[in-house]
C-alpha atoms as a PDB file:
ATOM      1  CA  UNK A   1      -2.748-133.651 -31.927  1.00  0.00           C
ATOM      2  CA  UNK A   2      -1.958-130.100 -33.929  1.00  0.00           C
ATOM      3  CA  UNK A   3       0.994-128.591 -35.115  1.00  0.00           C
ATOM      4  CA  UNK A   4       3.777-127.920 -32.779  1.00  0.00           C
ATOM      5  CA  UNK A   5       6.657-125.159 -33.810  1.00  0.00           C
ATOM      6  CA  UNK A   6       9.898-126.078 -32.933  1.00  0.00           C
ATOM      7  CA  UNK A   7      10.667-124.646 -30.003  1.00  0.00           C
ATOM      8  CA  UNK A   8      14.366-122.558 -29.357  1.00  0.00           C
ATOM      9  CA  UNK A   9      17.142-123.902 -28.102  1.00  0.00           C
ATOM     10  CA  UNK A  10      17.512-122.089 -24.946  1.00  0.00           C
ATOM     11  CA  UNK A  11      20.415-120.757 -23.711  1.00  0.00           C
ATOM     12  CA  UNK A  12      23.458-123.102 -21.822  1.00  0.00           C
ATOM     13  CA  UNK A  13      21.667-126.462 -23.338  1.00  0.00           C
ATOM     14  CA  UNK A  14      24.704-127.298 -26.017  1.00  0.00           C
ATOM     15  CA  UNK A  15      27.337-126.475 -22.938  1.00  0.00           C
ATOM     16  CA  UNK A  16      25.223-128.245 -20.160  1.00  0.00           C
ATOM     17  CA  UNK A  17      23.645-131.585 -21.997  1.00  0.00           C
ATOM     18  CA  UNK A  18      25.317-131.867 -25.467  1.00  0.00           C
ATOM     19  CA  UNK A  19      28.246-131.257 -25.145  1.00  0.00           C
ATOM     20  CA  UNK A  20      29.156-133.946 -22.506  1.00  0.00           C
ATOM     21  CA  UNK A  21      25.748-135.907 -23.264  1.00  0.00           C
ATOM     22  CA  UNK A  22      27.916-136.833 -26.425  1.00  0.00           C
ATOM     23  CA  UNK A  23      31.248-137.225 -24.610  1.00  0.00           C
ATOM     24  CA  UNK A  24      29.427-139.943 -22.692  1.00  0.00           C
ATOM     25  CA  UNK A  25      27.376-141.423 -26.061  1.00  0.00           C
ATOM     26  CA  UNK A  26      31.636-141.506 -27.121  1.00  0.00           C
ATOM     27  CA  UNK A  27      32.731-142.792 -23.934  1.00  0.00           C
ATOM     28  CA  UNK A  28      29.750-145.933 -24.538  1.00  0.00           C
ATOM     29  CA  UNK A  29      28.825-146.483 -28.100  1.00  0.00           C
ATOM     30  CA  UNK A  30      30.671-149.358 -30.300  1.00  0.00           C
ATOM     31  CA  UNK A  31      31.609-148.858 -33.680  1.00  0.00           C
ATOM     32  CA  UNK A  32      28.382-149.412 -35.170  1.00  0.00           C
ATOM     33  CA  UNK A  33      26.673-146.612 -33.664  1.00  0.00           C
ATOM     34  CA  UNK A  34      25.404-148.688 -30.624  1.00  0.00           C
ATOM     35  CA  UNK A  35      24.815-148.444 -26.970  1.00  0.00           C
ATOM     36  CA  UNK A  36      27.335-150.782 -25.370  1.00  0.00           C
ATOM     37  CA  UNK A  37      25.350-153.645 -23.302  1.00  0.00           C
ATOM     38  CA  UNK A  38      23.925-152.660 -20.310  1.00  0.00           C
ATOM     39  CA  UNK A  39      24.332-148.711 -21.117  1.00  0.00           C
ATOM     40  CA  UNK A  40      22.002-145.606 -20.270  1.00  0.00           C
ATOM     41  CA  UNK A  41      22.733-142.130 -21.521  1.00  0.00           C
ATOM     42  CA  UNK A  42      22.233-140.122 -18.444  1.00  0.00           C
ATOM     43  CA  UNK A  43      19.077-137.878 -18.731  1.00  0.00           C
ATOM     44  CA  UNK A  44      20.703-134.858 -18.309  1.00  0.00           C
ATOM     45  CA  UNK A  45      17.738-132.801 -20.508  1.00  0.00           C
ATOM     46  CA  UNK A  46      15.409-133.847 -17.734  1.00  0.00           C
ATOM     47  CA  UNK A  47      18.016-130.192 -16.379  1.00  0.00           C
ATOM     48  CA  UNK A  48      16.080-128.197 -18.742  1.00  0.00           C
ATOM     49  CA  UNK A  49      12.350-129.714 -18.932  1.00  0.00           C
ATOM     50  CA  UNK A  50      10.703-126.063 -17.733  1.00  0.00           C
ATOM     51  CA  UNK A  51      11.844-124.522 -20.873  1.00  0.00           C
ATOM     52  CA  UNK A  52      10.574-127.646 -23.213  1.00  0.00           C
ATOM     53  CA  UNK A  53       7.184-127.692 -21.348  1.00  0.00           C
ATOM     54  CA  UNK A  54       7.406-123.891 -21.868  1.00  0.00           C
ATOM     55  CA  UNK A  55       7.743-123.877 -25.827  1.00  0.00           C
ATOM     56  CA  UNK A  56       5.178-126.467 -25.737  1.00  0.00           C
ATOM     57  CA  UNK A  57       2.723-123.879 -24.300  1.00  0.00           C
ATOM     58  CA  UNK A  58       2.400-126.570 -21.267  1.00  0.00           C
ATOM     59  CA  UNK A  59       0.514-128.881 -23.493  1.00  0.00           C
ATOM     60  CA  UNK A  60       1.510-132.437 -24.457  1.00  0.00           C
ATOM     61  CA  UNK A  61       2.521-132.864 -27.472  1.00  0.00           C
ATOM     62  CA  UNK A  62      -0.126-135.329 -28.813  1.00  0.00           C
ATOM     63  CA  UNK A  63      -2.969-135.348 -26.348  1.00  0.00           C
ATOM     64  CA  UNK A  64      -2.842-130.853 -27.158  1.00  0.00           C
ATOM     65  CA  UNK A  65      -4.208-130.844 -23.367  1.00  0.00           C
ATOM     66  CA  UNK A  66      -2.728-129.109 -20.736  1.00  0.00           C
ATOM     67  CA  UNK A  67      -0.213-130.940 -18.434  1.00  0.00           C
ATOM     68  CA  UNK A  68       1.697-129.921 -15.917  1.00  0.00           C
ATOM     69  CA  UNK A  69       4.209-132.681 -14.850  1.00  0.00           C
ATOM     70  CA  UNK A  70       5.165-133.617 -18.400  1.00  0.00           C
ATOM     71  CA  UNK A  71       8.109-135.589 -19.459  1.00  0.00           C
ATOM     72  CA  UNK A  72      10.514-135.315 -21.923  1.00  0.00           C
ATOM     73  CA  UNK A  73       9.862-137.164 -24.930  1.00  0.00           C
ATOM     74  CA  UNK A  74      12.557-138.258 -27.601  1.00  0.00           C
ATOM     75  CA  UNK A  75      11.132-138.644 -30.609  1.00  0.00           C
ATOM     76  CA  UNK A  76      13.574-140.475 -31.821  1.00  0.00           C
ATOM     77  CA  UNK A  77      14.176-142.595 -29.087  1.00  0.00           C
ATOM     78  CA  UNK A  78      17.891-143.192 -27.734  1.00  0.00           C
ATOM     79  CA  UNK A  79      17.235-146.683 -28.136  1.00  0.00           C
ATOM     80  CA  UNK A  80      17.549-146.835 -31.632  1.00  0.00           C
ATOM     81  CA  UNK A  81      18.348-143.399 -31.986  1.00  0.00           C
ATOM     82  CA  UNK A  82      21.297-143.408 -29.156  1.00  0.00           C
ATOM     83  CA  UNK A  83      23.595-140.273 -31.839  1.00  0.00           C
ATOM     84  CA  UNK A  84      19.440-138.327 -31.214  1.00  0.00           C
ATOM     85  CA  UNK A  85      19.805-138.237 -27.373  1.00  0.00           C
ATOM     86  CA  UNK A  86      20.963-135.141 -26.536  1.00  0.00           C
ATOM     87  CA  UNK A  87      19.038-133.239 -29.975  1.00  0.00           C
ATOM     88  CA  UNK A  88      17.286-130.622 -28.154  1.00  0.00           C
ATOM     89  CA  UNK A  89      15.595-130.953 -32.272  1.00  0.00           C
ATOM     90  CA  UNK A  90      14.368-134.711 -30.965  1.00  0.00           C
ATOM     91  CA  UNK A  91      12.710-133.340 -27.864  1.00  0.00           C
ATOM     92  CA  UNK A  92       8.838-133.338 -27.343  1.00  0.00           C
ATOM     93  CA  UNK A  93       6.283-132.610 -24.307  1.00  0.00           C
ATOM     94  CA  UNK A  94       4.387-134.764 -23.724  1.00  0.00           C
ATOM     95  CA  UNK A  95       2.099-136.576 -20.945  1.00  0.00           C
ATOM     96  CA  UNK A  96       4.414-138.920 -19.089  1.00  0.00           C
ATOM     97  CA  UNK A  97       1.035-142.308 -19.864  1.00  0.00           C
ATOM     98  CA  UNK A  98       1.536-140.826 -23.277  1.00  0.00           C
ATOM     99  CA  UNK A  99       5.327-141.150 -23.239  1.00  0.00           C
ATOM    100  CA  UNK A 100       5.257-144.903 -21.841  1.00  0.00           C
ATOM    101  CA  UNK A 101       3.004-145.991 -25.000  1.00  0.00           C
ATOM    102  CA  UNK A 102       5.230-144.356 -27.281  1.00  0.00           C
ATOM    103  CA  UNK A 103       7.682-146.281 -26.355  1.00  0.00           C
ATOM    104  CA  UNK A 104      10.470-146.571 -29.352  1.00  0.00           C
ATOM    105  CA  UNK A 105       7.589-146.350 -31.899  1.00  0.00           C
ATOM    106  CA  UNK A 106       9.237-143.462 -34.097  1.00  0.00           C
ATOM    107  CA  UNK A 107       8.374-142.468 -37.164  1.00  0.00           C
ATOM    108  CA  UNK A 108       5.607-144.234 -36.625  1.00  0.00           C
ATOM    109  CA  UNK A 109       3.902-141.380 -35.125  1.00  0.00           C
ATOM    110  CA  UNK A 110       3.293-138.062 -36.512  1.00  0.00           C
ATOM    111  CA  UNK A 111       5.645-135.750 -35.432  1.00  0.00           C
ATOM    112  CA  UNK A 112       3.725-132.662 -33.414  1.00  0.00           C
ATOM    113  CA  UNK A 113       6.563-131.033 -35.546  1.00  0.00           C
ATOM    114  CA  UNK A 114       5.103-131.475 -38.818  1.00  0.00           C
ATOM    115  CA  UNK A 115       1.147-132.363 -38.276  1.00  0.00           C
ATOM    116  CA  UNK A 116      -1.328-129.945 -39.804  1.00  0.00           C
ATOM    117  CA  UNK A 117      -3.190-127.909 -37.918  1.00  0.00           C
ATOM    118  CA  UNK A 118      -6.877-129.292 -40.036  1.00  0.00           C
ATOM    119  CA  UNK A 119      -6.009-133.107 -39.288  1.00  0.00           C
ATOM    120  CA  UNK A 120      -7.410-133.710 -36.509  1.00  0.00           C
ATOM    121  CA  UNK A 121     -10.492-132.292 -34.486  1.00  0.00           C
ATOM    122  CA  UNK A 122     -12.961-133.262 -31.419  1.00  0.00           C
ATOM    123  CA  UNK A 123     -16.235-134.179 -32.385  1.00  0.00           C
ATOM    124  CA  UNK A 124     -19.299-133.277 -29.922  1.00  0.00           C
ATOM    125  CA  UNK A 125     -20.457-134.700 -26.936  1.00  0.00           C
ATOM    126  CA  UNK A 126     -18.513-137.428 -27.541  1.00  0.00           C
ATOM    127  CA  UNK A 127     -14.739-135.728 -27.366  1.00  0.00           C
ATOM    128  CA  UNK A 128     -13.928-138.925 -29.120  1.00  0.00           C
ATOM    129  CA  UNK A 129     -10.305-137.765 -31.661  1.00  0.00           C
ATOM    130  CA  UNK A 130     -11.180-138.239 -34.864  1.00  0.00           C
ATOM    131  CA  UNK A 131      -9.455-137.996 -38.143  1.00  0.00           C
ATOM    132  CA  UNK A 132     -10.905-135.006 -40.973  1.00  0.00           C
ATOM    133  CA  UNK A 133     -10.388-135.535 -44.834  1.00  0.00           C
ATOM    134  CA  UNK A 134      -7.381-133.014 -44.708  1.00  0.00           C
ATOM    135  CA  UNK A 135      -5.500-135.855 -43.969  1.00  0.00           C
ATOM    136  CA  UNK A 136      -3.053-136.556 -47.263  1.00  0.00           C
ATOM    137  CA  UNK A 137      -3.497-139.540 -48.528  1.00  0.00           C
ATOM    138  CA  UNK A 138       0.480-140.836 -47.277  1.00  0.00           C
ATOM    139  CA  UNK A 139      -0.346-139.362 -43.716  1.00  0.00           C
ATOM    140  CA  UNK A 140      -3.134-141.341 -43.604  1.00  0.00           C
ATOM    141  CA  UNK A 141      -2.203-144.756 -42.475  1.00  0.00           C
ATOM    142  CA  UNK A 142       0.288-142.955 -39.910  1.00  0.00           C
ATOM    143  CA  UNK A 143      -2.561-141.248 -38.511  1.00  0.00           C
ATOM    144  CA  UNK A 144      -4.352-143.774 -37.579  1.00  0.00           C
ATOM    145  CA  UNK A 145      -1.891-145.953 -36.454  1.00  0.00           C
ATOM    146  CA  UNK A 146      -0.711-142.640 -34.275  1.00  0.00           C
ATOM    147  CA  UNK A 147      -4.461-143.041 -32.902  1.00  0.00           C
ATOM    148  CA  UNK A 148      -4.628-145.769 -31.732  1.00  0.00           C
ATOM    149  CA  UNK A 149      -1.159-146.630 -29.987  1.00  0.00           C
ATOM    150  CA  UNK A 150      -0.999-143.322 -28.108  1.00  0.00           C
ATOM    151  CA  UNK A 151      -4.667-143.971 -27.162  1.00  0.00           C
ATOM    152  CA  UNK A 152      -5.746-140.461 -28.262  1.00  0.00           C
ATOM    153  CA  UNK A 153      -8.907-141.510 -30.008  1.00  0.00           C
ATOM    154  CA  UNK A 154     -11.678-142.780 -26.366  1.00  0.00           C
ATOM    155  CA  UNK A 155      -9.105-144.195 -24.427  1.00  0.00           C
ATOM    156  CA  UNK A 156     -10.707-142.919 -21.056  1.00  0.00           C
ATOM    157  CA  UNK A 157      -7.918-141.881 -20.075  1.00  0.00           C
ATOM    158  CA  UNK A 158      -7.608-139.086 -22.031  1.00  0.00           C
ATOM    159  CA  UNK A 159     -11.381-138.642 -22.524  1.00  0.00           C
ATOM    160  CA  UNK A 160     -12.011-138.410 -19.017  1.00  0.00           C
ATOM    161  CA  UNK A 161      -8.850-135.300 -19.210  1.00  0.00           C
ATOM    162  CA  UNK A 162     -11.641-133.988 -22.197  1.00  0.00           C
ATOM    163  CA  UNK A 163     -14.589-134.555 -20.255  1.00  0.00           C
ATOM    164  CA  UNK A 164     -13.310-132.348 -17.299  1.00  0.00           C
ATOM    165  CA  UNK A 165     -11.849-129.455 -18.815  1.00  0.00           C
ATOM    166  CA  UNK A 166     -15.115-129.346 -21.447  1.00  0.00           C
ATOM    167  CA  UNK A 167     -17.358-129.223 -18.073  1.00  0.00           C
ATOM    168  CA  UNK A 168     -15.884-126.276 -16.787  1.00  0.00           C
ATOM    169  CA  UNK A 169     -16.244-124.146 -19.633  1.00  0.00           C
ATOM    170  CA  UNK A 170     -20.380-125.556 -19.975  1.00  0.00           C
ATOM    171  CA  UNK A 171     -20.486-124.545 -16.131  1.00  0.00           C
ATOM    172  CA  UNK A 172     -19.216-121.309 -16.326  1.00  0.00           C
ATOM    173  CA  UNK A 173     -15.526-122.063 -14.880  1.00  0.00           C
ATOM    174  CA  UNK A 174     -13.668-121.290 -17.852  1.00  0.00           C
ATOM    175  CA  UNK A 175     -14.024-118.881 -20.537  1.00  0.00           C
ATOM    176  CA  UNK A 176     -13.729-119.855 -24.150  1.00  0.00           C
ATOM    177  CA  UNK A 177     -10.362-118.092 -24.086  1.00  0.00           C
ATOM    178  CA  UNK A 178      -9.317-120.150 -21.233  1.00  0.00           C
ATOM    179  CA  UNK A 179     -11.369-123.190 -22.810  1.00  0.00           C
ATOM    180  CA  UNK A 180      -8.633-122.122 -26.077  1.00  0.00           C
ATOM    181  CA  UNK A 181      -4.883-122.530 -23.330  1.00  0.00           C
ATOM    182  CA  UNK A 182      -6.009-125.193 -22.088  1.00  0.00           C
ATOM    183  CA  UNK A 183      -7.581-127.506 -24.345  1.00  0.00           C
ATOM    184  CA  UNK A 184      -7.811-125.751 -27.816  1.00  0.00           C
ATOM    185  CA  UNK A 185      -8.410-129.031 -29.989  1.00  0.00           C
ATOM    186  CA  UNK A 186     -11.490-128.777 -27.700  1.00  0.00           C
ATOM    187  CA  UNK A 187     -12.086-125.434 -27.423  1.00  0.00           C
ATOM    188  CA  UNK A 188     -11.863-125.679 -31.844  1.00  0.00           C
ATOM    189  CA  UNK A 189     -14.960-128.014 -31.482  1.00  0.00           C
ATOM    190  CA  UNK A 190     -17.313-125.661 -29.243  1.00  0.00           C
ATOM    191  CA  UNK A 191     -16.215-122.856 -31.703  1.00  0.00           C
ATOM    192  CA  UNK A 192     -17.263-124.891 -35.294  1.00  0.00           C
ATOM    193  CA  UNK A 193     -20.305-126.165 -32.632  1.00  0.00           C
ATOM    194  CA  UNK A 194     -21.396-122.375 -32.909  1.00  0.00           C
ATOM    195  CA  UNK A 195     -20.603-120.676 -36.074  1.00  0.00           C
ATOM    196  CA  UNK A 196     -23.955-121.998 -38.049  1.00  0.00           C
ATOM    197  CA  UNK A 197     -25.302-119.553 -34.862  1.00  0.00           C
ATOM    198  CA  UNK A 198     -23.034-117.206 -35.051  1.00  0.00           C
ATOM    199  CA  UNK A 199     -23.478-116.969 -39.457  1.00  0.00           C
ATOM    200  CA  UNK A 200     -27.462-116.648 -38.475  1.00  0.00           C
ATOM    201  CA  UNK A 201     -27.422-113.533 -35.678  1.00  0.00           C
ATOM    202  CA  UNK A 202     -25.087-112.134 -37.942  1.00  0.00           C
END
């Protein structure tokens, strides 16, 4: 994971998503603020998936790799927090399979808007994602939980993706700058690997 800045709310979102969405919620929630049985909020947010993807540079908010067909993840799930279903600042751009893994974990996993860039790093050549000593003590348990539950550490699905980008770089089909665009954590690991050589040469 890395830090993502919240993307600005796109023009037209309020009129096309928030207002009609909240009207639907008002008609389909009980007095305790819970959805009526069998009710599911209409996925009006899908109309703005492209703008959300642009705001994340087309990177999955959790795997931090290029994702051409990602999904809109409600960081606070609409099942547990129906009143947040149509809030732009509750959306994260995420790979579909990771979104399915996250389900309704909500605050149990780290928020990509609130992590720091130095909390995670890729190890070479294993391509495993690990925690660094920079993770604050109070966030350590949640960081470990996030790595495990979202299969980010060494799941074959995510390792396969990392391996593909890394191999393209090694084969010369992708520059280091290009690698930084599609898999910035791997690019950072490569730069770290070559730092000692650069210091010697300088």
